[in-house]
PDB file of N, CA and C in Angstrom:
ATOM      1  N   MET A   1      -2.680  16.439  10.158  1.00  0.00           N
ATOM      2  CA  MET A   1      -1.271  16.139  10.063  1.00  0.00           C
ATOM      3  C   MET A   1      -1.071  15.035   9.019  1.00  0.00           C
ATOM      4  N   GLU A   2      -0.231  15.336   8.054  1.00  0.00           N
ATOM      5  CA  GLU A   2       0.010  14.387   6.964  1.00  0.00           C
ATOM      6  C   GLU A   2       1.141  13.434   7.325  1.00  0.00           C
ATOM      7  N   ALA A   3       0.947  12.173   6.995  1.00  0.00           N
ATOM      8  CA  ALA A   3       1.979  11.165   7.238  1.00  0.00           C
ATOM      9  C   ALA A   3       1.980  10.188   6.078  1.00  0.00           C
ATOM     10  N   LYS A   4       3.160   9.607   5.817  1.00  0.00           N
ATOM     11  CA  LYS A   4       3.325   8.741   4.657  1.00  0.00           C
ATOM     12  C   LYS A   4       4.024   7.451   5.057  1.00  0.00           C
ATOM     13  N   ALA A   5       3.675   6.373   4.345  1.00  0.00           N
ATOM     14  CA  ALA A   5       4.358   5.093   4.532  1.00  0.00           C
ATOM     15  C   ALA A   5       4.563   4.470   3.159  1.00  0.00           C
ATOM     16  N   ILE A   6       5.728   3.853   2.967  1.00  0.00           N
ATOM     17  CA  ILE A   6       6.057   3.225   1.689  1.00  0.00           C
ATOM     18  C   ILE A   6       6.513   1.792   1.963  1.00  0.00           C
ATOM     19  N   ALA A   7       5.874   0.848   1.284  1.00  0.00           N
ATOM     20  CA  ALA A   7       6.317  -0.548   1.334  1.00  0.00           C
ATOM     21  C   ALA A   7       7.036  -0.816   0.018  1.00  0.00           C
ATOM     22  N   ARG A   8       8.301  -1.127   0.116  1.00  0.00           N
ATOM     23  CA  ARG A   8       9.106  -1.284  -1.092  1.00  0.00           C
ATOM     24  C   ARG A   8       9.359  -2.755  -1.390  1.00  0.00           C
ATOM     25  N   GLN A   9       9.444  -3.041  -2.682  1.00  0.00           N
ATOM     26  CA  GLN A   9       9.776  -4.363  -3.220  1.00  0.00           C
ATOM     27  C   GLN A   9       8.864  -5.455  -2.677  1.00  0.00           C
ATOM     28  N   VAL A  10       7.559  -5.188  -2.721  1.00  0.00           N
ATOM     29  CA  VAL A  10       6.555  -6.189  -2.360  1.00  0.00           C
ATOM     30  C   VAL A  10       6.495  -7.179  -3.508  1.00  0.00           C
ATOM     31  N   ARG A  11       6.588  -8.475  -3.216  1.00  0.00           N
ATOM     32  CA  ARG A  11       6.671  -9.501  -4.263  1.00  0.00           C
ATOM     33  C   ARG A  11       5.301  -9.797  -4.872  1.00  0.00           C
ATOM     34  N   MET A  12       4.771  -8.783  -5.559  1.00  0.00           N
ATOM     35  CA  MET A  12       3.487  -8.900  -6.223  1.00  0.00           C
ATOM     36  C   MET A  12       3.477  -7.870  -7.344  1.00  0.00           C
ATOM     37  N   SER A  13       2.842  -8.196  -8.446  1.00  0.00           N
ATOM     38  CA  SER A  13       2.865  -7.265  -9.564  1.00  0.00           C
ATOM     39  C   SER A  13       2.040  -6.020  -9.228  1.00  0.00           C
ATOM     40  N   ALA A  14       2.473  -4.898  -9.745  1.00  0.00           N
ATOM     41  CA  ALA A  14       1.805  -3.626  -9.468  1.00  0.00           C
ATOM     42  C   ALA A  14       0.370  -3.640  -9.987  1.00  0.00           C
ATOM     43  N   ARG A  15       0.132  -4.338 -11.063  1.00  0.00           N
ATOM     44  CA  ARG A  15      -1.207  -4.400 -11.649  1.00  0.00           C
ATOM     45  C   ARG A  15      -2.209  -5.042 -10.684  1.00  0.00           C
ATOM     46  N   LYS A  16      -1.779  -6.081  -9.982  1.00  0.00           N
ATOM     47  CA  LYS A  16      -2.654  -6.759  -9.028  1.00  0.00           C
ATOM     48  C   LYS A  16      -2.890  -5.910  -7.781  1.00  0.00           C
ATOM     49  N   VAL A  17      -1.852  -5.213  -7.330  1.00  0.00           N
ATOM     50  CA  VAL A  17      -1.987  -4.397  -6.125  1.00  0.00           C
ATOM     51  C   VAL A  17      -2.851  -3.173  -6.406  1.00  0.00           C
ATOM     52  N   ARG A  18      -2.791  -2.637  -7.617  1.00  0.00           N
ATOM     53  CA  ARG A  18      -3.596  -1.457  -7.958  1.00  0.00           C
ATOM     54  C   ARG A  18      -5.092  -1.726  -7.857  1.00  0.00           C
ATOM     55  N   LEU A  19      -5.505  -2.974  -8.102  1.00  0.00           N
ATOM     56  CA  LEU A  19      -6.920  -3.323  -7.974  1.00  0.00           C
ATOM     57  C   LEU A  19      -7.406  -3.095  -6.541  1.00  0.00           C
ATOM     58  N   VAL A  20      -6.570  -3.396  -5.560  1.00  0.00           N
ATOM     59  CA  VAL A  20      -6.941  -3.220  -4.160  1.00  0.00           C
ATOM     60  C   VAL A  20      -6.816  -1.761  -3.748  1.00  0.00           C
ATOM     61  N   VAL A  21      -5.760  -1.103  -4.196  1.00  0.00           N
ATOM     62  CA  VAL A  21      -5.520   0.289  -3.822  1.00  0.00           C
ATOM     63  C   VAL A  21      -6.645   1.195  -4.338  1.00  0.00           C
ATOM     64  N   ASP A  22      -7.179   0.880  -5.504  1.00  0.00           N
ATOM     65  CA  ASP A  22      -8.263   1.685  -6.056  1.00  0.00           C
ATOM     66  C   ASP A  22      -9.521   1.625  -5.193  1.00  0.00           C
ATOM     67  N   LEU A  23      -9.688   0.549  -4.428  1.00  0.00           N
ATOM     68  CA  LEU A  23     -10.865   0.411  -3.570  1.00  0.00           C
ATOM     69  C   LEU A  23     -10.839   1.362  -2.380  1.00  0.00           C
ATOM     70  N   ILE A  24      -9.653   1.701  -1.872  1.00  0.00           N
ATOM     71  CA  ILE A  24      -9.565   2.476  -0.635  1.00  0.00           C
ATOM     72  C   ILE A  24      -9.174   3.936  -0.840  1.00  0.00           C
ATOM     73  N   ARG A  25      -8.809   4.320  -2.039  1.00  0.00           N
ATOM     74  CA  ARG A  25      -8.349   5.689  -2.272  1.00  0.00           C
ATOM     75  C   ARG A  25      -9.456   6.699  -1.941  1.00  0.00           C
ATOM     76  N   GLY A  26      -9.142   7.679  -1.098  1.00  0.00           N
ATOM     77  CA  GLY A  26     -10.089   8.732  -0.741  1.00  0.00           C
ATOM     78  C   GLY A  26     -11.019   8.385   0.410  1.00  0.00           C
ATOM     79  N   LYS A  27     -10.957   7.178   0.922  1.00  0.00           N
ATOM     80  CA  LYS A  27     -11.846   6.746   1.999  1.00  0.00           C
ATOM     81  C   LYS A  27     -11.255   7.127   3.366  1.00  0.00           C
ATOM     82  N   SER A  28     -12.085   7.074   4.396  1.00  0.00           N
ATOM     83  CA  SER A  28     -11.569   7.266   5.747  1.00  0.00           C
ATOM     84  C   SER A  28     -10.780   6.013   6.136  1.00  0.00           C
ATOM     85  N   VAL A  29      -9.937   6.155   7.127  1.00  0.00           N
ATOM     86  CA  VAL A  29      -9.063   5.055   7.515  1.00  0.00           C
ATOM     87  C   VAL A  29      -9.875   3.863   8.031  1.00  0.00           C
ATOM     88  N   ASN A  30     -10.918   4.131   8.814  1.00  0.00           N
ATOM     89  CA  ASN A  30     -11.729   3.023   9.352  1.00  0.00           C
ATOM     90  C   ASN A  30     -12.456   2.282   8.235  1.00  0.00           C
ATOM     91  N   ASP A  31     -12.974   3.007   7.247  1.00  0.00           N
ATOM     92  CA  ASP A  31     -13.619   2.359   6.102  1.00  0.00           C
ATOM     93  C   ASP A  31     -12.610   1.513   5.322  1.00  0.00           C
ATOM     94  N   ALA A  32     -11.404   2.046   5.162  1.00  0.00           N
ATOM     95  CA  ALA A  32     -10.363   1.321   4.424  1.00  0.00           C
ATOM     96  C   ALA A  32      -9.969   0.040   5.149  1.00  0.00           C
ATOM     97  N   TYR A  33      -9.864   0.095   6.495  1.00  0.00           N
ATOM     98  CA  TYR A  33      -9.563  -1.111   7.268  1.00  0.00           C
ATOM     99  C   TYR A  33     -10.606  -2.187   7.011  1.00  0.00           C
ATOM    100  N   ALA A  34     -11.884  -1.785   7.024  1.00  0.00           N
ATOM    101  CA  ALA A  34     -12.977  -2.746   6.822  1.00  0.00           C
ATOM    102  C   ALA A  34     -12.927  -3.341   5.416  1.00  0.00           C
ATOM    103  N   ILE A  35     -12.689  -2.507   4.413  1.00  0.00           N
ATOM    104  CA  ILE A  35     -12.620  -2.981   3.026  1.00  0.00           C
ATOM    105  C   ILE A  35     -11.481  -3.977   2.862  1.00  0.00           C
ATOM    106  N   LEU A  36     -10.328  -3.645   3.418  1.00  0.00           N
ATOM    107  CA  LEU A  36      -9.161  -4.523   3.279  1.00  0.00           C
ATOM    108  C   LEU A  36      -9.324  -5.821   4.058  1.00  0.00           C
ATOM    109  N   GLN A  37      -9.985  -5.759   5.206  1.00  0.00           N
ATOM    110  CA  GLN A  37     -10.147  -6.955   6.019  1.00  0.00           C
ATOM    111  C   GLN A  37     -11.001  -8.001   5.313  1.00  0.00           C
ATOM    112  N   PHE A  38     -12.013  -7.556   4.569  1.00  0.00           N
ATOM    113  CA  PHE A  38     -12.935  -8.487   3.933  1.00  0.00           C
ATOM    114  C   PHE A  38     -12.675  -8.681   2.441  1.00  0.00           C
ATOM    115  N   SER A  39     -11.575  -8.121   1.946  1.00  0.00           N
ATOM    116  CA  SER A  39     -11.220  -8.314   0.554  1.00  0.00           C
ATOM    117  C   SER A  39     -10.620  -9.706   0.369  1.00  0.00           C
ATOM    118  N   LYS A  40     -10.952 -10.358  -0.732  1.00  0.00           N
ATOM    119  CA  LYS A  40     -10.427 -11.694  -0.999  1.00  0.00           C
ATOM    120  C   LYS A  40      -9.090 -11.659  -1.729  1.00  0.00           C
ATOM    121  N   LYS A  41      -8.650 -10.488  -2.137  1.00  0.00           N
ATOM    122  CA  LYS A  41      -7.395 -10.361  -2.874  1.00  0.00           C
ATOM    123  C   LYS A  41      -6.200 -10.552  -1.941  1.00  0.00           C
ATOM    124  N   ARG A  42      -5.167 -11.221  -2.442  1.00  0.00           N
ATOM    125  CA  ARG A  42      -3.953 -11.440  -1.661  1.00  0.00           C
ATOM    126  C   ARG A  42      -3.197 -10.136  -1.426  1.00  0.00           C
ATOM    127  N   ALA A  43      -3.405  -9.170  -2.303  1.00  0.00           N
ATOM    128  CA  ALA A  43      -2.718  -7.883  -2.179  1.00  0.00           C
ATOM    129  C   ALA A  43      -3.258  -7.048  -1.028  1.00  0.00           C
ATOM    130  N   ALA A  44      -4.387  -7.438  -0.448  1.00  0.00           N
ATOM    131  CA  ALA A  44      -4.975  -6.655   0.645  1.00  0.00           C
ATOM    132  C   ALA A  44      -4.069  -6.652   1.882  1.00  0.00           C
ATOM    133  N   GLU A  45      -3.314  -7.726   2.093  1.00  0.00           N
ATOM    134  CA  GLU A  45      -2.463  -7.795   3.281  1.00  0.00           C
ATOM    135  C   GLU A  45      -1.319  -6.775   3.261  1.00  0.00           C
ATOM    136  N   PRO A  46      -0.499  -6.700   2.194  1.00  0.00           N
ATOM    137  CA  PRO A  46       0.559  -5.677   2.222  1.00  0.00           C
ATOM    138  C   PRO A  46       0.015  -4.252   2.184  1.00  0.00           C
ATOM    139  N   VAL A  47      -1.131  -4.035   1.537  1.00  0.00           N
ATOM    140  CA  VAL A  47      -1.724  -2.692   1.520  1.00  0.00           C
ATOM    141  C   VAL A  47      -2.192  -2.328   2.929  1.00  0.00           C
ATOM    142  N   SER A  48      -2.778  -3.293   3.625  1.00  0.00           N
ATOM    143  CA  SER A  48      -3.243  -3.063   4.994  1.00  0.00           C
ATOM    144  C   SER A  48      -2.071  -2.746   5.921  1.00  0.00           C
ATOM    145  N   LYS A  49      -0.974  -3.479   5.766  1.00  0.00           N
ATOM    146  CA  LYS A  49       0.201  -3.227   6.595  1.00  0.00           C
ATOM    147  C   LYS A  49       0.768  -1.831   6.341  1.00  0.00           C
ATOM    148  N   THR A  50       0.767  -1.416   5.086  1.00  0.00           N
ATOM    149  CA  THR A  50       1.270  -0.090   4.746  1.00  0.00           C
ATOM    150  C   THR A  50       0.367   0.994   5.312  1.00  0.00           C
ATOM    151  N   LEU A  51      -0.951   0.777   5.242  1.00  0.00           N
ATOM    152  CA  LEU A  51      -1.902   1.734   5.801  1.00  0.00           C
ATOM    153  C   LEU A  51      -1.717   1.857   7.309  1.00  0.00           C
ATOM    154  N   ARG A  52      -1.552   0.733   7.996  1.00  0.00           N
ATOM    155  CA  ARG A  52      -1.344   0.771   9.441  1.00  0.00           C
ATOM    156  C   ARG A  52      -0.044   1.503   9.786  1.00  0.00           C
ATOM    157  N   SER A  53       0.965   1.342   8.964  1.00  0.00           N
ATOM    158  CA  SER A  53       2.228   2.039   9.182  1.00  0.00           C
ATOM    159  C   SER A  53       2.057   3.549   9.007  1.00  0.00           C
ATOM    160  N   ALA A  54       1.281   3.958   8.000  1.00  0.00           N
ATOM    161  CA  ALA A  54       1.040   5.381   7.768  1.00  0.00           C
ATOM    162  C   ALA A  54       0.282   6.000   8.943  1.00  0.00           C
ATOM    163  N   VAL A  55      -0.689   5.273   9.481  1.00  0.00           N
ATOM    164  CA  VAL A  55      -1.440   5.775  10.635  1.00  0.00           C
ATOM    165  C   VAL A  55      -0.522   5.890  11.851  1.00  0.00           C
ATOM    166  N   ALA A  56       0.324   4.898  12.059  1.00  0.00           N
ATOM    167  CA  ALA A  56       1.277   4.953  13.171  1.00  0.00           C
ATOM    168  C   ALA A  56       2.246   6.116  12.995  1.00  0.00           C
ATOM    169  N   ASN A  57       2.669   6.373  11.761  1.00  0.00           N
ATOM    170  CA  ASN A  57       3.556   7.513  11.495  1.00  0.00           C
ATOM    171  C   ASN A  57       2.853   8.827  11.810  1.00  0.00           C
ATOM    172  N   ALA A  58       1.549   8.923  11.504  1.00  0.00           N
ATOM    173  CA  ALA A  58       0.786  10.137  11.805  1.00  0.00           C
ATOM    174  C   ALA A  58       0.695  10.351  13.320  1.00  0.00           C
ATOM    175  N   GLN A  59       0.462   9.273  14.047  1.00  0.00           N
ATOM    176  CA  GLN A  59       0.394   9.388  15.506  1.00  0.00           C
ATOM    177  C   GLN A  59       1.750   9.789  16.087  1.00  0.00           C
ATOM    178  N   TYR A  60       2.814   9.235  15.549  1.00  0.00           N
ATOM    179  CA  TYR A  60       4.146   9.571  16.037  1.00  0.00           C
ATOM    180  C   TYR A  60       4.498  11.026  15.737  1.00  0.00           C
ATOM    181  N   LYS A  61       4.158  11.475  14.524  1.00  0.00           N
ATOM    182  CA  LYS A  61       4.433  12.875  14.164  1.00  0.00           C
ATOM    183  C   LYS A  61       3.672  13.833  15.071  1.00  0.00           C
ATOM    184  N   ALA A  62       2.415  13.483  15.372  1.00  0.00           N
ATOM    185  CA  ALA A  62       1.619  14.333  16.250  1.00  0.00           C
ATOM    186  C   ALA A  62       2.204  14.351  17.662  1.00  0.00           C
ATOM    187  N   GLN A  63       2.672  13.206  18.124  1.00  0.00           N
ATOM    188  CA  GLN A  63       3.268  13.125  19.457  1.00  0.00           C
ATOM    189  C   GLN A  63       4.550  13.959  19.519  1.00  0.00           C
ATOM    190  N   GLU A  64       5.348  13.909  18.459  1.00  0.00           N
ATOM    191  CA  GLU A  64       6.586  14.695  18.420  1.00  0.00           C
ATOM    192  C   GLU A  64       6.301  16.190  18.420  1.00  0.00           C
ATOM    193  N   ALA A  65       5.179  16.594  17.786  1.00  0.00           N
ATOM    194  CA  ALA A  65       4.805  18.008  17.735  1.00  0.00           C
ATOM    195  C   ALA A  65       3.974  18.415  18.944  1.00  0.00           C
ATOM    196  N   ASP A  66       3.863  17.506  19.944  1.00  0.00           N
ATOM    197  CA  ASP A  66       3.067  17.752  21.140  1.00  0.00           C
ATOM    198  C   ASP A  66       1.621  18.092  20.772  1.00  0.00           C
ATOM    199  N   ASP A  67       1.076  17.284  19.889  1.00  0.00           N
ATOM    200  CA  ASP A  67      -0.277  17.465  19.368  1.00  0.00           C
ATOM    201  C   ASP A  67      -1.008  16.128  19.507  1.00  0.00           C
ATOM    202  N   PHE A  68      -2.289  16.117  19.170  1.00  0.00           N
ATOM    203  CA  PHE A  68      -3.066  14.884  19.216  1.00  0.00           C
ATOM    204  C   PHE A  68      -3.754  14.687  17.874  1.00  0.00           C
ATOM    205  N   VAL A  69      -3.695  13.467  17.357  1.00  0.00           N
ATOM    206  CA  VAL A  69      -4.404  13.153  16.123  1.00  0.00           C
ATOM    207  C   VAL A  69      -5.355  11.998  16.415  1.00  0.00           C
ATOM    208  N   ASP A  70      -6.613  12.164  15.996  1.00  0.00           N
ATOM    209  CA  ASP A  70      -7.617  11.122  16.190  1.00  0.00           C
ATOM    210  C   ASP A  70      -7.636  10.252  14.940  1.00  0.00           C
ATOM    211  N   VAL A  71      -7.532   8.944  15.127  1.00  0.00           N
ATOM    212  CA  VAL A  71      -7.497   8.016  13.989  1.00  0.00           C
ATOM    213  C   VAL A  71      -8.794   8.091  13.201  1.00  0.00           C
ATOM    214  N   ASP A  72      -9.903   8.379  13.883  1.00  0.00           N
ATOM    215  CA  ASP A  72     -11.200   8.467  13.207  1.00  0.00           C
ATOM    216  C   ASP A  72     -11.268   9.643  12.247  1.00  0.00           C
ATOM    217  N   ASP A  73     -10.403  10.642  12.431  1.00  0.00           N
ATOM    218  CA  ASP A  73     -10.412  11.827  11.556  1.00  0.00           C
ATOM    219  C   ASP A  73      -9.450  11.712  10.386  1.00  0.00           C
ATOM    220  N   LEU A  74      -8.720  10.610  10.293  1.00  0.00           N
ATOM    221  CA  LEU A  74      -7.742  10.465   9.213  1.00  0.00           C
ATOM    222  C   LEU A  74      -8.406   9.954   7.940  1.00  0.00           C
ATOM    223  N   VAL A  75      -7.944  10.489   6.810  1.00  0.00           N
ATOM    224  CA  VAL A  75      -8.446  10.124   5.480  1.00  0.00           C
ATOM    225  C   VAL A  75      -7.240   9.756   4.621  1.00  0.00           C
ATOM    226  N   ILE A  76      -7.445   8.803   3.718  1.00  0.00           N
ATOM    227  CA  ILE A  76      -6.374   8.436   2.793  1.00  0.00           C
ATOM    228  C   ILE A  76      -6.329   9.502   1.693  1.00  0.00           C
ATOM    229  N   ARG A  77      -5.324  10.359   1.776  1.00  0.00           N
ATOM    230  CA  ARG A  77      -5.205  11.470   0.833  1.00  0.00           C
ATOM    231  C   ARG A  77      -4.634  10.990  -0.504  1.00  0.00           C
ATOM    232  N   GLU A  78      -3.616  10.164  -0.428  1.00  0.00           N
ATOM    233  CA  GLU A  78      -2.976   9.625  -1.634  1.00  0.00           C
ATOM    234  C   GLU A  78      -2.698   8.159  -1.415  1.00  0.00           C
ATOM    235  N   CYS A  79      -2.810   7.392  -2.487  1.00  0.00           N
ATOM    236  CA  CYS A  79      -2.511   5.973  -2.409  1.00  0.00           C
ATOM    237  C   CYS A  79      -2.184   5.508  -3.824  1.00  0.00           C
ATOM    238  N   PHE A  80      -0.961   5.065  -4.041  1.00  0.00           N
ATOM    239  CA  PHE A  80      -0.587   4.632  -5.385  1.00  0.00           C
ATOM    240  C   PHE A  80       0.448   3.524  -5.329  1.00  0.00           C
ATOM    241  N   VAL A  81       0.601   2.858  -6.462  1.00  0.00           N
ATOM    242  CA  VAL A  81       1.522   1.724  -6.574  1.00  0.00           C
ATOM    243  C   VAL A  81       2.424   1.952  -7.775  1.00  0.00           C
ATOM    244  N   ASP A  82       3.710   1.802  -7.566  1.00  0.00           N
ATOM    245  CA  ASP A  82       4.688   1.898  -8.635  1.00  0.00           C
ATOM    246  C   ASP A  82       5.332   0.533  -8.850  1.00  0.00           C
ATOM    247  N   GLU A  83       5.878   0.332 -10.043  1.00  0.00           N
ATOM    248  CA  GLU A  83       6.594  -0.910 -10.315  1.00  0.00           C
ATOM    249  C   GLU A  83       7.958  -0.875  -9.650  1.00  0.00           C
ATOM    250  N   GLY A  84       8.333  -2.011  -9.087  1.00  0.00           N
ATOM    251  CA  GLY A  84       9.654  -2.153  -8.511  1.00  0.00           C
ATOM    252  C   GLY A  84      10.556  -2.895  -9.478  1.00  0.00           C
ATOM    253  N   PRO A  85      11.718  -3.300  -9.036  1.00  0.00           N
ATOM    254  CA  PRO A  85      12.607  -4.059  -9.903  1.00  0.00           C
ATOM    255  C   PRO A  85      12.033  -5.442 -10.210  1.00  0.00           C
ATOM    256  N   THR A  86      12.307  -5.920 -11.403  1.00  0.00           N
ATOM    257  CA  THR A  86      11.819  -7.230 -11.827  1.00  0.00           C
ATOM    258  C   THR A  86      12.945  -8.246 -11.714  1.00  0.00           C
ATOM    259  N   LEU A  87      12.666  -9.356 -11.037  1.00  0.00           N
ATOM    260  CA  LEU A  87      13.628 -10.447 -10.948  1.00  0.00           C
ATOM    261  C   LEU A  87      13.501 -11.293 -12.207  1.00  0.00           C
ATOM    262  N   LYS A  88      14.588 -11.493 -12.911  1.00  0.00           N
ATOM    263  CA  LYS A  88      14.543 -12.234 -14.165  1.00  0.00           C
ATOM    264  C   LYS A  88      15.102 -13.638 -13.959  1.00  0.00           C
ATOM    265  N   ARG A  89      14.278 -14.611 -14.259  1.00  0.00           N
ATOM    266  CA  ARG A  89      14.650 -16.006 -14.104  1.00  0.00           C
ATOM    267  C   ARG A  89      14.427 -16.733 -15.423  1.00  0.00           C
ATOM    268  N   TRP A  90      14.968 -17.940 -15.536  1.00  0.00           N
ATOM    269  CA  TRP A  90      14.821 -18.732 -16.761  1.00  0.00           C
ATOM    270  C   TRP A  90      14.237 -20.086 -16.425  1.00  0.00           C
ATOM    271  N   GLN A  91      13.351 -20.569 -17.287  1.00  0.00           N
ATOM    272  CA  GLN A  91      12.740 -21.874 -17.118  1.00  0.00           C
ATOM    273  C   GLN A  91      13.092 -22.746 -18.314  1.00  0.00           C
ATOM    274  N   ALA A  92      13.505 -23.974 -18.024  1.00  0.00           N
ATOM    275  CA  ALA A  92      13.875 -24.893 -19.099  1.00  0.00           C
ATOM    276  C   ALA A  92      12.632 -25.280 -19.908  1.00  0.00           C
ATOM    277  N   ARG A  93      12.815 -25.338 -21.228  1.00  0.00           N
ATOM    278  CA  ARG A  93      11.733 -25.735 -22.127  1.00  0.00           C
ATOM    279  C   ARG A  93      12.229 -26.862 -23.030  1.00  0.00           C
ATOM    280  N   ALA A  94      11.412 -27.233 -23.966  1.00  0.00           N
ATOM    281  CA  ALA A  94      11.732 -28.364 -24.839  1.00  0.00           C
ATOM    282  C   ALA A  94      12.928 -28.074 -25.744  1.00  0.00           C
ATOM    283  N   GLN A  95      13.645 -29.109 -26.089  1.00  0.00           N
ATOM    284  CA  GLN A  95      14.752 -29.076 -27.039  1.00  0.00           C
ATOM    285  C   GLN A  95      15.872 -28.117 -26.621  1.00  0.00           C
ATOM    286  N   GLY A  96      16.138 -28.056 -25.326  1.00  0.00           N
ATOM    287  CA  GLY A  96      17.261 -27.268 -24.834  1.00  0.00           C
ATOM    288  C   GLY A  96      17.036 -25.764 -24.820  1.00  0.00           C
ATOM    289  N   ARG A  97      15.831 -25.337 -25.031  1.00  0.00           N
ATOM    290  CA  ARG A  97      15.552 -23.898 -25.031  1.00  0.00           C
ATOM    291  C   ARG A  97      15.261 -23.423 -23.612  1.00  0.00           C
ATOM    292  N   ALA A  98      15.169 -22.103 -23.461  1.00  0.00           N
ATOM    293  CA  ALA A  98      14.831 -21.512 -22.165  1.00  0.00           C
ATOM    294  C   ALA A  98      13.814 -20.397 -22.386  1.00  0.00           C
ATOM    295  N   SER A  99      12.893 -20.281 -21.459  1.00  0.00           N
ATOM    296  CA  SER A  99      11.890 -19.213 -21.511  1.00  0.00           C
ATOM    297  C   SER A  99      12.088 -18.282 -20.322  1.00  0.00           C
ATOM    298  N   PRO A 100      11.931 -16.999 -20.542  1.00  0.00           N
ATOM    299  CA  PRO A 100      12.096 -16.067 -19.419  1.00  0.00           C
ATOM    300  C   PRO A 100      10.885 -16.080 -18.493  1.00  0.00           C
ATOM    301  N   ILE A 101      11.165 -15.901 -17.212  1.00  0.00           N
ATOM    302  CA  ILE A 101      10.122 -15.705 -16.207  1.00  0.00           C
ATOM    303  C   ILE A 101      10.424 -14.374 -15.531  1.00  0.00           C
ATOM    304  N   ARG A 102       9.447 -13.504 -15.481  1.00  0.00           N
ATOM    305  CA  ARG A 102       9.618 -12.207 -14.831  1.00  0.00           C
ATOM    306  C   ARG A 102       8.862 -12.218 -13.510  1.00  0.00           C
ATOM    307  N   LYS A 103       9.602 -12.125 -12.420  1.00  0.00           N
ATOM    308  CA  LYS A 103       8.984 -12.064 -11.096  1.00  0.00           C
ATOM    309  C   LYS A 103       8.929 -10.590 -10.707  1.00  0.00           C
ATOM    310  N   ARG A 104       7.746 -10.039 -10.798  1.00  0.00           N
ATOM    311  CA  ARG A 104       7.581  -8.593 -10.642  1.00  0.00           C
ATOM    312  C   ARG A 104       7.428  -8.201  -9.179  1.00  0.00           C
ATOM    313  N   THR A 105       7.876  -6.979  -8.875  1.00  0.00           N
ATOM    314  CA  THR A 105       7.712  -6.412  -7.542  1.00  0.00           C
ATOM    315  C   THR A 105       7.049  -5.048  -7.673  1.00  0.00           C
ATOM    316  N   SER A 106       6.619  -4.507  -6.543  1.00  0.00           N
ATOM    317  CA  SER A 106       5.955  -3.204  -6.573  1.00  0.00           C
ATOM    318  C   SER A 106       6.275  -2.418  -5.308  1.00  0.00           C
ATOM    319  N   HIS A 107       6.085  -1.114  -5.382  1.00  0.00           N
ATOM    320  CA  HIS A 107       6.250  -0.198  -4.259  1.00  0.00           C
ATOM    321  C   HIS A 107       4.874   0.395  -3.948  1.00  0.00           C
ATOM    322  N   ILE A 108       4.394   0.224  -2.718  1.00  0.00           N
ATOM    323  CA  ILE A 108       3.089   0.739  -2.314  1.00  0.00           C
ATOM    324  C   ILE A 108       3.305   1.984  -1.462  1.00  0.00           C
ATOM    325  N   THR A 109       2.638   3.089  -1.809  1.00  0.00           N
ATOM    326  CA  THR A 109       2.732   4.332  -1.059  1.00  0.00           C
ATOM    327  C   THR A 109       1.352   4.745  -0.580  1.00  0.00           C
ATOM    328  N   VAL A 110       1.238   5.030   0.716  1.00  0.00           N
ATOM    329  CA  VAL A 110      -0.024   5.483   1.301  1.00  0.00           C
ATOM    330  C   VAL A 110       0.247   6.769   2.083  1.00  0.00           C
ATOM    331  N   VAL A 111      -0.563   7.813   1.796  1.00  0.00           N
ATOM    332  CA  VAL A 111      -0.452   9.093   2.505  1.00  0.00           C
ATOM    333  C   VAL A 111      -1.782   9.346   3.189  1.00  0.00           C
ATOM    334  N   VAL A 112      -1.744   9.522   4.514  1.00  0.00           N
ATOM    335  CA  VAL A 112      -2.950   9.845   5.266  1.00  0.00           C
ATOM    336  C   VAL A 112      -2.852  11.271   5.773  1.00  0.00           C
ATOM    337  N   ASP A 113      -4.013  11.902   5.923  1.00  0.00           N
ATOM    338  CA  ASP A 113      -4.084  13.280   6.376  1.00  0.00           C
ATOM    339  C   ASP A 113      -5.376  13.459   7.156  1.00  0.00           C
ATOM    340  N   SER A 114      -5.414  14.437   8.044  1.00  0.00           N
ATOM    341  CA  SER A 114      -6.654  14.680   8.776  1.00  0.00           C
ATOM    342  C   SER A 114      -7.664  15.378   7.870  1.00  0.00           C
ATOM    343  N   LYS A 115      -8.940  15.202   8.199  1.00  0.00           N
ATOM    344  CA  LYS A 115      -9.995  15.804   7.391  1.00  0.00           C
ATOM    345  C   LYS A 115      -9.913  17.311   7.451  1.00  0.00           C
ATOM    346  N   ASP A 116     -10.415  17.977   6.398  1.00  0.00           N
ATOM    347  CA  ASP A 116     -10.441  19.437   6.396  1.00  0.00           C
ATOM    348  C   ASP A 116     -11.434  19.935   7.430  1.00  0.00           C
ATOM    349  N   LYS A 117     -11.071  20.934   8.160  1.00  0.00           N
ATOM    350  CA  LYS A 117     -11.914  21.464   9.234  1.00  0.00           C
ATOM    351  C   LYS A 117     -12.754  22.653   8.756  1.00  0.00           C
ATOM    352  N   ASN A 118     -13.329  22.559   7.555  1.00  0.00           N
ATOM    353  CA  ASN A 118     -14.126  23.682   7.028  1.00  0.00           C
ATOM    354  C   ASN A 118     -15.586  23.487   7.319  1.00  0.00           C
TER     355      ASN A 118
END
C-alpha cells in the first residue's frame, strides 16, 4: 500500500536537505530510521518527521481499507526535495547600502510502499 507525506516550507535550503534525502532513498523504513537518528545533519529531523508521517499515513490507509500493513515491509519508494518560496530580506551595509539576504525554504516529499511480493 502506497502512502505519501509532504512537509512544506521547511526553513532550510533544498540543497542541504537533499544531502540527507539521498542517504535514505530506496532503503527500508527501519534502515532509514537508523540512518536519520545517527546523522549529524540538522536536516535529518524534518526528514525523519516526514518519514514518520508517511508511515502513519500508510497504516491509516490500510486500516481504512480493512487491511494490515507491516512497518517492517515498507520501503521508501520515492523521496525528493523541491525548492519552496524564498523569503527576501535586506541587511544594512557600509555607506548606506543594502545587501540582499535570501532565506530559502524547501518542500520534502516521502513516498513509502510495501515490498514487492515476487
